[in-house]
Amino acid sequence: MLIEDLLEKLSQEGLQSDERFVESFVHHSISKGQGPNKINQELRQRGVEQFLIETYLESGSIDWMSLADEVRLKKYGKSIPDDYQNKAKQSRFLYSRGFSSEQINQLLRQ
């Protein structure tokens, strides 16, 4: 009860804001090259409400495809792999970074 009361007081005084935390966390995670699935998972582990997470991840201001492409380019260079083994390797890498299968497939089909 004491912790909840303290958090409520801090929130009322504008010193604690889940919205600011999520915004900052998302921005920081994007700068580290993390995709929406990983960010979502990490925020949920920290107890952030799902609707707040979705608000920031699905806002439309984030171009997840461009971010996935930047992350892939940094690791593997410009050329899109044409063989199954290299596509699978890059897919696993991007998936581990938190990008969706749909985003990965779209990116590696180009």
N, C-alpha and C. Protein backbone atom coordinates (compact mmCIF):
# COMPACT_ATOMS: atom_id res chain seq x y z
N MET A 1 0.81 -1.19 0.00
CA MET A 1 0.00 0.00 0.00
C MET A 1 0.86 1.26 0.00
N LEU A 2 1.93 1.26 0.74
CA LEU A 2 2.79 2.43 0.83
C LEU A 2 3.36 2.80 -0.54
N ILE A 3 3.80 1.81 -1.29
CA ILE A 3 4.38 2.07 -2.61
C ILE A 3 3.32 2.63 -3.55
N GLU A 4 2.13 2.03 -3.53
CA GLU A 4 1.05 2.50 -4.39
C GLU A 4 0.66 3.95 -4.05
N ASP A 5 0.62 4.25 -2.76
CA ASP A 5 0.29 5.62 -2.35
C ASP A 5 1.36 6.60 -2.82
N LEU A 6 2.61 6.21 -2.68
CA LEU A 6 3.71 7.06 -3.10
C LEU A 6 3.68 7.29 -4.61
N LEU A 7 3.45 6.22 -5.38
CA LEU A 7 3.36 6.36 -6.84
C LEU A 7 2.20 7.26 -7.24
N GLU A 8 1.08 7.12 -6.57
CA GLU A 8 -0.07 7.97 -6.86
C GLU A 8 0.25 9.44 -6.58
N LYS A 9 0.94 9.69 -5.46
CA LYS A 9 1.31 11.06 -5.11
C LYS A 9 2.27 11.64 -6.15
N LEU A 10 3.27 10.85 -6.55
CA LEU A 10 4.22 11.30 -7.57
C LEU A 10 3.52 11.57 -8.90
N SER A 11 2.57 10.73 -9.23
CA SER A 11 1.82 10.91 -10.47
C SER A 11 1.00 12.19 -10.43
N GLN A 12 0.36 12.45 -9.32
CA GLN A 12 -0.45 13.66 -9.17
C GLN A 12 0.41 14.91 -9.25
N GLU A 13 1.63 14.82 -8.77
CA GLU A 13 2.54 15.96 -8.82
C GLU A 13 3.25 16.09 -10.16
N GLY A 14 2.99 15.15 -11.07
CA GLY A 14 3.60 15.20 -12.39
C GLY A 14 5.05 14.73 -12.42
N LEU A 15 5.47 14.03 -11.38
CA LEU A 15 6.85 13.56 -11.31
C LEU A 15 7.02 12.14 -11.83
N GLN A 16 5.93 11.43 -11.98
CA GLN A 16 5.95 10.07 -12.50
C GLN A 16 4.87 9.96 -13.56
N SER A 17 5.26 9.50 -14.74
CA SER A 17 4.30 9.39 -15.84
C SER A 17 4.62 8.15 -16.66
N ASP A 18 3.66 7.24 -16.70
CA ASP A 18 3.85 6.04 -17.53
C ASP A 18 3.99 6.42 -19.00
N GLU A 19 3.26 7.45 -19.43
CA GLU A 19 3.33 7.88 -20.82
C GLU A 19 4.73 8.35 -21.19
N ARG A 20 5.32 9.17 -20.32
CA ARG A 20 6.69 9.66 -20.58
C ARG A 20 7.68 8.50 -20.56
N PHE A 21 7.48 7.55 -19.64
CA PHE A 21 8.37 6.40 -19.56
C PHE A 21 8.30 5.59 -20.86
N VAL A 22 7.08 5.31 -21.32
CA VAL A 22 6.92 4.52 -22.54
C VAL A 22 7.52 5.25 -23.73
N GLU A 23 7.25 6.53 -23.85
CA GLU A 23 7.79 7.31 -24.95
C GLU A 23 9.32 7.27 -24.95
N SER A 24 9.91 7.47 -23.80
CA SER A 24 11.37 7.44 -23.67
C SER A 24 11.92 6.05 -23.96
N PHE A 25 11.26 5.03 -23.42
CA PHE A 25 11.72 3.65 -23.60
C PHE A 25 11.67 3.26 -25.08
N VAL A 26 10.57 3.60 -25.75
CA VAL A 26 10.42 3.28 -27.18
C VAL A 26 11.50 3.99 -27.99
N HIS A 27 11.71 5.26 -27.73
CA HIS A 27 12.73 6.02 -28.45
C HIS A 27 14.12 5.40 -28.25
N HIS A 28 14.44 5.06 -27.02
CA HIS A 28 15.74 4.45 -26.71
C HIS A 28 15.88 3.09 -27.39
N SER A 29 14.84 2.29 -27.36
CA SER A 29 14.89 0.95 -27.97
C SER A 29 15.04 1.03 -29.48
N ILE A 30 14.36 2.00 -30.09
CA ILE A 30 14.49 2.19 -31.54
C ILE A 30 15.92 2.57 -31.88
N SER A 31 16.52 3.41 -31.07
CA SER A 31 17.90 3.82 -31.34
C SER A 31 18.88 2.64 -31.21
N LYS A 32 18.46 1.60 -30.49
CA LYS A 32 19.27 0.38 -30.37
C LYS A 32 18.94 -0.63 -31.46
N GLY A 33 17.99 -0.29 -32.35
CA GLY A 33 17.64 -1.17 -33.45
C GLY A 33 16.67 -2.28 -33.07
N GLN A 34 15.86 -2.06 -32.07
CA GLN A 34 14.90 -3.08 -31.65
C GLN A 34 13.56 -2.85 -32.32
N GLY A 35 12.90 -3.96 -32.67
CA GLY A 35 11.62 -3.91 -33.33
C GLY A 35 10.45 -3.88 -32.36
N PRO A 36 9.24 -3.77 -32.90
CA PRO A 36 8.05 -3.61 -32.06
C PRO A 36 7.74 -4.78 -31.15
N ASN A 37 8.01 -6.00 -31.60
CA ASN A 37 7.71 -7.16 -30.75
C ASN A 37 8.58 -7.19 -29.50
N LYS A 38 9.84 -6.90 -29.67
CA LYS A 38 10.76 -6.90 -28.53
C LYS A 38 10.44 -5.76 -27.56
N ILE A 39 10.15 -4.60 -28.11
CA ILE A 39 9.81 -3.45 -27.26
C ILE A 39 8.54 -3.73 -26.48
N ASN A 40 7.54 -4.29 -27.17
CA ASN A 40 6.30 -4.65 -26.52
C ASN A 40 6.54 -5.62 -25.37
N GLN A 41 7.31 -6.65 -25.61
CA GLN A 41 7.60 -7.65 -24.58
C GLN A 41 8.31 -7.04 -23.38
N GLU A 42 9.29 -6.20 -23.63
CA GLU A 42 10.04 -5.60 -22.53
C GLU A 42 9.18 -4.64 -21.70
N LEU A 43 8.31 -3.89 -22.37
CA LEU A 43 7.43 -2.99 -21.64
C LEU A 43 6.40 -3.77 -20.81
N ARG A 44 5.90 -4.86 -21.36
CA ARG A 44 4.94 -5.69 -20.61
C ARG A 44 5.61 -6.29 -19.37
N GLN A 45 6.88 -6.69 -19.51
CA GLN A 45 7.61 -7.22 -18.36
C GLN A 45 7.79 -6.17 -17.27
N ARG A 46 7.78 -4.92 -17.67
CA ARG A 46 7.93 -3.82 -16.71
C ARG A 46 6.59 -3.35 -16.15
N GLY A 47 5.51 -4.05 -16.53
CA GLY A 47 4.20 -3.76 -15.96
C GLY A 47 3.44 -2.63 -16.61
N VAL A 48 3.83 -2.23 -17.81
CA VAL A 48 3.12 -1.16 -18.50
C VAL A 48 1.85 -1.73 -19.11
N GLU A 49 0.77 -0.97 -19.05
CA GLU A 49 -0.51 -1.42 -19.59
C GLU A 49 -0.44 -1.53 -21.11
N GLN A 50 -1.08 -2.58 -21.63
CA GLN A 50 -1.01 -2.89 -23.06
C GLN A 50 -1.54 -1.76 -23.94
N PHE A 51 -2.64 -1.12 -23.53
CA PHE A 51 -3.18 -0.05 -24.38
C PHE A 51 -2.19 1.10 -24.54
N LEU A 52 -1.39 1.37 -23.51
CA LEU A 52 -0.39 2.43 -23.58
C LEU A 52 0.75 2.02 -24.51
N ILE A 53 1.15 0.78 -24.43
CA ILE A 53 2.20 0.26 -25.32
C ILE A 53 1.74 0.38 -26.77
N GLU A 54 0.53 -0.09 -27.04
CA GLU A 54 0.00 -0.06 -28.40
C GLU A 54 -0.12 1.37 -28.93
N THR A 55 -0.47 2.29 -28.06
CA THR A 55 -0.59 3.69 -28.47
C THR A 55 0.71 4.19 -29.07
N TYR A 56 1.82 3.86 -28.46
CA TYR A 56 3.12 4.35 -28.95
C TYR A 56 3.67 3.51 -30.10
N LEU A 57 3.47 2.20 -30.04
CA LEU A 57 4.03 1.34 -31.09
C LEU A 57 3.25 1.41 -32.39
N GLU A 58 1.95 1.72 -32.31
CA GLU A 58 1.12 1.75 -33.50
C GLU A 58 0.72 3.17 -33.89
N SER A 59 1.46 4.14 -33.42
CA SER A 59 1.09 5.54 -33.65
C SER A 59 1.21 5.96 -35.11
N GLY A 60 1.95 5.22 -35.90
CA GLY A 60 2.14 5.60 -37.30
C GLY A 60 3.33 6.50 -37.52
N SER A 61 3.89 7.02 -36.44
CA SER A 61 5.05 7.90 -36.59
C SER A 61 6.36 7.11 -36.70
N ILE A 62 6.27 5.81 -36.47
CA ILE A 62 7.46 4.97 -36.54
C ILE A 62 7.38 4.10 -37.80
N ASP A 63 8.40 4.18 -38.63
CA ASP A 63 8.46 3.37 -39.84
C ASP A 63 9.28 2.12 -39.53
N TRP A 64 8.56 1.06 -39.13
CA TRP A 64 9.24 -0.17 -38.71
C TRP A 64 9.99 -0.83 -39.86
N MET A 65 9.49 -0.71 -41.08
CA MET A 65 10.18 -1.32 -42.22
C MET A 65 11.53 -0.63 -42.46
N SER A 66 11.54 0.68 -42.36
CA SER A 66 12.81 1.40 -42.53
C SER A 66 13.80 1.03 -41.44
N LEU A 67 13.30 0.90 -40.22
CA LEU A 67 14.18 0.53 -39.12
C LEU A 67 14.74 -0.88 -39.34
N ALA A 68 13.89 -1.81 -39.73
CA ALA A 68 14.35 -3.18 -40.00
C ALA A 68 15.40 -3.18 -41.10
N ASP A 69 15.17 -2.38 -42.13
CA ASP A 69 16.13 -2.29 -43.23
C ASP A 69 17.46 -1.72 -42.75
N GLU A 70 17.40 -0.67 -41.92
CA GLU A 70 18.64 -0.08 -41.38
C GLU A 70 19.41 -1.10 -40.54
N VAL A 71 18.70 -1.85 -39.72
CA VAL A 71 19.34 -2.84 -38.86
C VAL A 71 19.99 -3.93 -39.71
N ARG A 72 19.28 -4.39 -40.74
CA ARG A 72 19.81 -5.41 -41.64
C ARG A 72 21.02 -4.89 -42.42
N LEU A 73 20.92 -3.66 -42.93
CA LEU A 73 22.03 -3.07 -43.68
C LEU A 73 23.29 -2.95 -42.82
N LYS A 74 23.11 -2.53 -41.60
CA LYS A 74 24.25 -2.36 -40.70
C LYS A 74 24.98 -3.68 -40.46
N LYS A 75 24.22 -4.75 -40.35
CA LYS A 75 24.82 -6.06 -40.06
C LYS A 75 25.31 -6.78 -41.31
N TYR A 76 24.53 -6.71 -42.41
CA TYR A 76 24.79 -7.57 -43.57
C TYR A 76 25.13 -6.83 -44.87
N GLY A 77 25.01 -5.53 -44.91
CA GLY A 77 25.31 -4.81 -46.13
C GLY A 77 24.11 -4.68 -47.05
N LYS A 78 24.35 -4.11 -48.25
CA LYS A 78 23.26 -3.74 -49.15
C LYS A 78 22.58 -4.91 -49.84
N SER A 79 23.31 -5.91 -50.22
CA SER A 79 22.71 -6.95 -51.06
C SER A 79 21.73 -7.84 -50.28
N ILE A 80 20.57 -8.06 -50.91
CA ILE A 80 19.55 -8.95 -50.35
C ILE A 80 19.99 -10.38 -50.66
N PRO A 81 19.96 -11.28 -49.69
CA PRO A 81 20.42 -12.65 -49.95
C PRO A 81 19.50 -13.35 -50.95
N ASP A 82 20.12 -14.16 -51.82
CA ASP A 82 19.32 -14.88 -52.81
C ASP A 82 19.27 -16.38 -52.54
N ASP A 83 20.00 -16.84 -51.55
CA ASP A 83 19.94 -18.26 -51.22
C ASP A 83 19.23 -18.46 -49.88
N TYR A 84 18.68 -19.63 -49.71
CA TYR A 84 17.86 -19.95 -48.54
C TYR A 84 18.64 -19.80 -47.23
N GLN A 85 19.87 -20.27 -47.21
CA GLN A 85 20.67 -20.26 -45.98
C GLN A 85 20.89 -18.84 -45.46
N ASN A 86 21.27 -17.93 -46.33
CA ASN A 86 21.52 -16.56 -45.90
C ASN A 86 20.22 -15.82 -45.56
N LYS A 87 19.14 -16.12 -46.30
CA LYS A 87 17.85 -15.53 -45.95
C LYS A 87 17.42 -15.99 -44.55
N ALA A 88 17.59 -17.26 -44.28
CA ALA A 88 17.22 -17.80 -42.97
C ALA A 88 18.06 -17.16 -41.86
N LYS A 89 19.33 -16.98 -42.13
CA LYS A 89 20.23 -16.36 -41.15
C LYS A 89 19.81 -14.93 -40.84
N GLN A 90 19.53 -14.16 -41.89
CA GLN A 90 19.11 -12.78 -41.69
C GLN A 90 17.72 -12.70 -41.05
N SER A 91 16.85 -13.63 -41.41
CA SER A 91 15.52 -13.69 -40.80
C SER A 91 15.62 -13.93 -39.30
N ARG A 92 16.44 -14.89 -38.91
CA ARG A 92 16.61 -15.19 -37.47
C ARG A 92 17.15 -13.97 -36.73
N PHE A 93 18.10 -13.28 -37.35
CA PHE A 93 18.68 -12.09 -36.72
C PHE A 93 17.61 -11.02 -36.50
N LEU A 94 16.85 -10.73 -37.55
CA LEU A 94 15.82 -9.69 -37.45
C LEU A 94 14.71 -10.11 -36.48
N TYR A 95 14.37 -11.38 -36.47
CA TYR A 95 13.35 -11.87 -35.54
C TYR A 95 13.82 -11.71 -34.10
N SER A 96 15.10 -11.98 -33.86
CA SER A 96 15.65 -11.83 -32.50
C SER A 96 15.68 -10.37 -32.07
N ARG A 97 15.69 -9.45 -33.03
CA ARG A 97 15.66 -8.02 -32.73
C ARG A 97 14.25 -7.52 -32.48
N GLY A 98 13.25 -8.38 -32.74
CA GLY A 98 11.88 -8.01 -32.42
C GLY A 98 11.02 -7.58 -33.59
N PHE A 99 11.45 -7.90 -34.79
CA PHE A 99 10.63 -7.58 -35.96
C PHE A 99 9.72 -8.76 -36.27
N SER A 100 8.56 -8.46 -36.84
CA SER A 100 7.57 -9.51 -37.11
C SER A 100 7.96 -10.31 -38.35
N SER A 101 7.41 -11.50 -38.46
CA SER A 101 7.67 -12.35 -39.63
C SER A 101 7.22 -11.65 -40.90
N GLU A 102 6.10 -10.95 -40.82
CA GLU A 102 5.60 -10.22 -41.99
C GLU A 102 6.58 -9.14 -42.43
N GLN A 103 7.11 -8.39 -41.48
CA GLN A 103 8.07 -7.33 -41.81
C GLN A 103 9.34 -7.94 -42.42
N ILE A 104 9.78 -9.02 -41.83
CA ILE A 104 11.02 -9.67 -42.30
C ILE A 104 10.83 -10.22 -43.71
N ASN A 105 9.73 -10.92 -43.93
CA ASN A 105 9.47 -11.49 -45.27
C ASN A 105 9.37 -10.39 -46.32
N GLN A 106 8.70 -9.33 -46.00
CA GLN A 106 8.56 -8.22 -46.94
C GLN A 106 9.92 -7.60 -47.25
N LEU A 107 10.75 -7.46 -46.25
CA LEU A 107 12.06 -6.85 -46.41
C LEU A 107 12.98 -7.73 -47.24
N LEU A 108 12.95 -9.02 -47.00
CA LEU A 108 13.89 -9.92 -47.71
C LEU A 108 13.39 -10.34 -49.08
N ARG A 109 12.20 -9.95 -49.47
CA ARG A 109 11.68 -10.23 -50.82
C ARG A 109 12.09 -9.17 -51.83
N GLN A 110 12.53 -8.05 -51.38
CA GLN A 110 12.83 -6.92 -52.28
C GLN A 110 13.85 -7.28 -53.33
